[in-house]
Amino acid sequence: MKEGDLIPNITLRSVDSDGMQNFNLIENFQDKKVLVICVPGAFTSTCHNQHLPPYIQNCETLMSKKEIDMICCMTTNDPFVLDLWRQELGQSKIKFLSDGNHEFLKASELIRNHEKSFMGNRLIRSIMLIENLKVTKLILDDPGQLDKTSYESISKTI
């Protein structure tokens, strides 16, 4: 996936306080400005302790300042693990999306191998800004890094 591409017509599973539901990207992102935070995994040290907490705490501010309609966090974890992680992180307006079948992973080719950590192929830690189904900004972190996609960085560059 690269800037200028349209998002794939894929149905993921969303988890929130209302339970689990199918979530079609085209239907839910049509005519919206959406920030998607792609992470390698729920409960992983960087994602859980550093990456997501500032987004959780500041998502409403980010949405307001940058005129974003929706913020989503996407990972390849199954929806049950993702729901537990969502609960552990605390209440926010972030929509958590499970790509448990790796459909988005394969379609986007945003793949990083984490076999050394016994996690297999996972999404690259990245940020996508999607406007009316088109990827207008794609920011990828380098392996083992959290500088380009941190809340602090994104609040300045998006």
C-alpha atoms as a PDB file:
ATOM      1  CA  MET A   1       0.000   0.000   0.000  1.00  0.00           C
ATOM      2  CA  LYS A   2       1.176   3.498  -0.776  1.00  0.00           C
ATOM      3  CA  GLU A   3      -0.126   7.035  -0.710  1.00  0.00           C
ATOM      4  CA  GLY A   4      -2.806   7.525  -3.360  1.00  0.00           C
ATOM      5  CA  ASP A   5      -4.109   3.944  -3.117  1.00  0.00           C
ATOM      6  CA  LEU A   6      -7.709   3.175  -2.285  1.00  0.00           C
ATOM      7  CA  ILE A   7      -8.301   1.026   0.765  1.00  0.00           C
ATOM      8  CA  PRO A   8      -9.325  -2.571   0.044  1.00  0.00           C
ATOM      9  CA  ASN A   9     -12.940  -3.693   0.307  1.00  0.00           C
ATOM     10  CA  ILE A  10     -12.400  -5.911   3.344  1.00  0.00           C
ATOM     11  CA  THR A  11     -14.556  -6.711   6.353  1.00  0.00           C
ATOM     12  CA  LEU A  12     -12.719  -6.829   9.672  1.00  0.00           C
ATOM     13  CA  ARG A  13     -14.113  -7.363  13.175  1.00  0.00           C
ATOM     14  CA  SER A  14     -14.556  -4.349  15.427  1.00  0.00           C
ATOM     15  CA  VAL A  15     -14.587  -4.647  19.202  1.00  0.00           C
ATOM     16  CA  ASP A  16     -15.982  -2.071  21.589  1.00  0.00           C
ATOM     17  CA  SER A  17     -18.173  -1.814  24.661  1.00  0.00           C
ATOM     18  CA  ASP A  18     -21.168  -2.867  22.528  1.00  0.00           C
ATOM     19  CA  GLY A  19     -19.483  -6.152  21.600  1.00  0.00           C
ATOM     20  CA  MET A  20     -18.014  -7.519  18.379  1.00  0.00           C
ATOM     21  CA  GLN A  21     -19.346  -6.563  14.971  1.00  0.00           C
ATOM     22  CA  ASN A  22     -18.372  -6.914  11.344  1.00  0.00           C
ATOM     23  CA  PHE A  23     -16.756  -3.710  10.070  1.00  0.00           C
ATOM     24  CA  ASN A  24     -16.472  -3.161   6.312  1.00  0.00           C
ATOM     25  CA  LEU A  25     -13.743  -0.613   5.538  1.00  0.00           C
ATOM     26  CA  ILE A  26     -15.466   0.842   2.447  1.00  0.00           C
ATOM     27  CA  GLU A  27     -18.844   1.251   4.155  1.00  0.00           C
ATOM     28  CA  ASN A  28     -17.405   2.787   7.323  1.00  0.00           C
ATOM     29  CA  PHE A  29     -14.723   5.018   5.765  1.00  0.00           C
ATOM     30  CA  GLN A  30     -16.812   6.422   2.882  1.00  0.00           C
ATOM     31  CA  ASP A  31     -16.925  10.246   3.000  1.00  0.00           C
ATOM     32  CA  LYS A  32     -14.801  10.325   6.176  1.00  0.00           C
ATOM     33  CA  LYS A  33     -11.346  11.378   7.277  1.00  0.00           C
ATOM     34  CA  VAL A  34      -9.944   8.416   9.221  1.00  0.00           C
ATOM     35  CA  LEU A  35      -6.668   7.920  11.064  1.00  0.00           C
ATOM     36  CA  VAL A  36      -5.650   4.253  11.232  1.00  0.00           C
ATOM     37  CA  ILE A  37      -2.979   3.195  13.711  1.00  0.00           C
ATOM     38  CA  CYS A  38      -1.538  -0.165  12.633  1.00  0.00           C
ATOM     39  CA  VAL A  39       0.273  -2.045  15.391  1.00  0.00           C
ATOM     40  CA  PRO A  40       2.143  -5.377  15.487  1.00  0.00           C
ATOM     41  CA  GLY A  41       0.222  -6.740  18.447  1.00  0.00           C
ATOM     42  CA  ALA A  42      -1.990  -6.278  21.463  1.00  0.00           C
ATOM     43  CA  PHE A  43      -0.201  -6.380  24.819  1.00  0.00           C
ATOM     44  CA  THR A  44       3.235  -6.193  23.165  1.00  0.00           C
ATOM     45  CA  SER A  45       5.603  -4.040  25.195  1.00  0.00           C
ATOM     46  CA  THR A  46       5.960  -1.065  22.838  1.00  0.00           C
ATOM     47  CA  CYS A  47       2.333  -1.026  21.658  1.00  0.00           C
ATOM     48  CA  HIS A  48       0.876  -1.441  25.144  1.00  0.00           C
ATOM     49  CA  ASN A  49       3.204   0.745  27.176  1.00  0.00           C
ATOM     50  CA  GLN A  50       4.279   3.496  24.766  1.00  0.00           C
ATOM     51  CA  HIS A  51       2.418   3.648  21.464  1.00  0.00           C
ATOM     52  CA  LEU A  52      -1.309   3.457  22.253  1.00  0.00           C
ATOM     53  CA  PRO A  53      -1.649   5.162  25.680  1.00  0.00           C
ATOM     54  CA  PRO A  54      -1.058   8.723  24.387  1.00  0.00           C
ATOM     55  CA  TYR A  55      -3.601   8.134  21.592  1.00  0.00           C
ATOM     56  CA  ILE A  56      -6.117   6.795  24.133  1.00  0.00           C
ATOM     57  CA  GLN A  57      -5.616   9.833  26.375  1.00  0.00           C
ATOM     58  CA  ASN A  58      -5.668  12.408  23.568  1.00  0.00           C
ATOM     59  CA  CYS A  59      -7.868  10.955  20.818  1.00  0.00           C
ATOM     60  CA  GLU A  60     -10.657  13.534  21.191  1.00  0.00           C
ATOM     61  CA  THR A  61      -8.158  16.411  21.069  1.00  0.00           C
ATOM     62  CA  LEU A  62      -6.500  14.934  17.970  1.00  0.00           C
ATOM     63  CA  MET A  63      -9.864  14.385  16.274  1.00  0.00           C
ATOM     64  CA  SER A  64     -10.942  17.947  16.992  1.00  0.00           C
ATOM     65  CA  LYS A  65      -7.697  19.710  16.049  1.00  0.00           C
ATOM     66  CA  LYS A  66      -7.124  17.703  12.855  1.00  0.00           C
ATOM     67  CA  GLU A  67     -10.824  17.393  11.861  1.00  0.00           C
ATOM     68  CA  ILE A  68     -10.672  13.594  11.939  1.00  0.00           C
ATOM     69  CA  ASP A  69     -13.980  11.728  11.916  1.00  0.00           C
ATOM     70  CA  MET A  70     -12.684   8.422  13.252  1.00  0.00           C
ATOM     71  CA  ILE A  71      -9.519   6.915  14.756  1.00  0.00           C
ATOM     72  CA  CYS A  72      -9.008   3.169  14.432  1.00  0.00           C
ATOM     73  CA  CYS A  73      -6.366   0.836  15.831  1.00  0.00           C
ATOM     74  CA  MET A  74      -5.777  -2.225  13.658  1.00  0.00           C
ATOM     75  CA  THR A  75      -3.851  -5.373  14.523  1.00  0.00           C
ATOM     76  CA  THR A  76      -3.725  -9.000  13.400  1.00  0.00           C
ATOM     77  CA  ASN A  77      -4.730 -10.281  16.829  1.00  0.00           C
ATOM     78  CA  ASP A  78      -8.000 -12.172  17.065  1.00  0.00           C
ATOM     79  CA  PRO A  79     -10.996 -10.098  18.213  1.00  0.00           C
ATOM     80  CA  PHE A  80     -11.126 -11.747  21.657  1.00  0.00           C
ATOM     81  CA  VAL A  81      -7.549 -10.767  22.540  1.00  0.00           C
ATOM     82  CA  LEU A  82      -8.088  -7.356  20.976  1.00  0.00           C
ATOM     83  CA  ASP A  83     -11.176  -6.777  23.122  1.00  0.00           C
ATOM     84  CA  LEU A  84      -9.268  -7.634  26.306  1.00  0.00           C
ATOM     85  CA  TRP A  85      -6.511  -5.233  25.250  1.00  0.00           C
ATOM     86  CA  ARG A  86      -9.058  -2.486  24.527  1.00  0.00           C
ATOM     87  CA  GLN A  87     -10.521  -2.925  28.000  1.00  0.00           C
ATOM     88  CA  GLU A  88      -7.057  -2.872  29.607  1.00  0.00           C
ATOM     89  CA  LEU A  89      -6.122   0.365  27.804  1.00  0.00           C
ATOM     90  CA  GLY A  90      -9.251   2.141  29.009  1.00  0.00           C
ATOM     91  CA  GLN A  91     -12.240   3.872  27.485  1.00  0.00           C
ATOM     92  CA  SER A  92     -11.725   6.038  24.406  1.00  0.00           C
ATOM     93  CA  LYS A  93     -13.276   6.893  21.058  1.00  0.00           C
ATOM     94  CA  ILE A  94     -10.742   4.712  19.239  1.00  0.00           C
ATOM     95  CA  LYS A  95     -12.334   1.890  17.244  1.00  0.00           C
ATOM     96  CA  PHE A  96     -10.343  -1.348  17.571  1.00  0.00           C
ATOM     97  CA  LEU A  97     -10.229  -3.511  14.437  1.00  0.00           C
ATOM     98  CA  SER A  98      -9.120  -7.136  14.268  1.00  0.00           C
ATOM     99  CA  ASP A  99      -7.485  -8.376  11.077  1.00  0.00           C
ATOM    100  CA  GLY A 100      -7.371 -11.877  12.535  1.00  0.00           C
ATOM    101  CA  ASN A 101      -7.612 -13.502   9.100  1.00  0.00           C
ATOM    102  CA  HIS A 102      -4.725 -11.336   7.806  1.00  0.00           C
ATOM    103  CA  GLU A 103      -6.805 -10.054   4.886  1.00  0.00           C
ATOM    104  CA  PHE A 104      -5.737  -6.430   5.321  1.00  0.00           C
ATOM    105  CA  LEU A 105      -2.167  -7.512   6.070  1.00  0.00           C
ATOM    106  CA  LYS A 106      -1.951  -9.340   2.733  1.00  0.00           C
ATOM    107  CA  ALA A 107      -3.848  -6.740   0.682  1.00  0.00           C
ATOM    108  CA  SER A 108      -1.823  -3.815   2.045  1.00  0.00           C
ATOM    109  CA  GLU A 109       1.540  -5.632   2.020  1.00  0.00           C
ATOM    110  CA  LEU A 110       2.392  -3.724   5.225  1.00  0.00           C
ATOM    111  CA  ILE A 111       4.085  -6.874   6.507  1.00  0.00           C
ATOM    112  CA  ARG A 112       6.938  -7.224   8.944  1.00  0.00           C
ATOM    113  CA  ASN A 113       8.214 -10.619  10.057  1.00  0.00           C
ATOM    114  CA  HIS A 114       8.380 -11.106  13.829  1.00  0.00           C
ATOM    115  CA  GLU A 115       9.330 -14.804  13.905  1.00  0.00           C
ATOM    116  CA  LYS A 116      12.167 -14.120  16.375  1.00  0.00           C
ATOM    117  CA  SER A 117       9.467 -13.021  18.846  1.00  0.00           C
ATOM    118  CA  PHE A 118       7.233 -16.009  17.933  1.00  0.00           C
ATOM    119  CA  MET A 119       4.633 -13.673  16.413  1.00  0.00           C
ATOM    120  CA  GLY A 120       4.973 -14.540  12.699  1.00  0.00           C
ATOM    121  CA  ASN A 121       3.977 -11.904  10.153  1.00  0.00           C
ATOM    122  CA  ARG A 122       2.399  -8.765  11.587  1.00  0.00           C
ATOM    123  CA  LEU A 123       1.392  -5.314  10.419  1.00  0.00           C
ATOM    124  CA  ILE A 124       4.210  -2.800  10.278  1.00  0.00           C
ATOM    125  CA  ARG A 125       3.829  -0.165  12.983  1.00  0.00           C
ATOM    126  CA  SER A 126       2.348   2.559  10.814  1.00  0.00           C
ATOM    127  CA  ILE A 127      -0.143   5.381  10.500  1.00  0.00           C
ATOM    128  CA  MET A 128      -2.535   5.817   7.594  1.00  0.00           C
ATOM    129  CA  LEU A 129      -4.577   8.917   6.993  1.00  0.00           C
ATOM    130  CA  ILE A 130      -7.508   7.944   4.796  1.00  0.00           C
ATOM    131  CA  GLU A 131      -9.730  10.559   3.212  1.00  0.00           C
ATOM    132  CA  ASN A 132     -12.834   9.320   1.404  1.00  0.00           C
ATOM    133  CA  LEU A 133     -11.291   5.853   0.932  1.00  0.00           C
ATOM    134  CA  LYS A 134      -7.924   7.110  -0.382  1.00  0.00           C
ATOM    135  CA  VAL A 135      -4.672   6.804   1.560  1.00  0.00           C
ATOM    136  CA  THR A 136      -3.441  10.405   1.677  1.00  0.00           C
ATOM    137  CA  LYS A 137      -0.617   9.827   4.169  1.00  0.00           C
ATOM    138  CA  LEU A 138       1.286   6.653   5.052  1.00  0.00           C
ATOM    139  CA  ILE A 139       3.957   6.772   7.749  1.00  0.00           C
ATOM    140  CA  LEU A 140       6.008   3.664   8.589  1.00  0.00           C
ATOM    141  CA  ASP A 141       8.225   3.191  11.605  1.00  0.00           C
ATOM    142  CA  ASP A 142      11.563   1.454  11.137  1.00  0.00           C
ATOM    143  CA  PRO A 143      11.943  -1.974  12.816  1.00  0.00           C
ATOM    144  CA  GLY A 144      12.123  -1.632  16.589  1.00  0.00           C
ATOM    145  CA  GLN A 145      11.446   2.110  16.469  1.00  0.00           C
ATOM    146  CA  LEU A 146       8.609   4.316  17.683  1.00  0.00           C
ATOM    147  CA  ASP A 147       9.441   7.774  16.476  1.00  0.00           C
ATOM    148  CA  LYS A 148       7.529   8.476  13.271  1.00  0.00           C
ATOM    149  CA  THR A 149       4.163   7.064  14.452  1.00  0.00           C
ATOM    150  CA  SER A 150       4.167   8.246  18.068  1.00  0.00           C
ATOM    151  CA  TYR A 151       1.307  10.490  19.154  1.00  0.00           C
ATOM    152  CA  GLU A 152       3.728  13.366  19.595  1.00  0.00           C
ATOM    153  CA  SER A 153       5.048  13.015  16.047  1.00  0.00           C
ATOM    154  CA  ILE A 154       1.648  12.467  14.407  1.00  0.00           C
ATOM    155  CA  SER A 155       0.042  15.418  16.187  1.00  0.00           C
ATOM    156  CA  LYS A 156       2.674  17.594  14.460  1.00  0.00           C
ATOM    157  CA  THR A 157       2.856  15.942  11.002  1.00  0.00           C
ATOM    158  CA  ILE A 158      -0.749  15.067  10.106  1.00  0.00           C
END
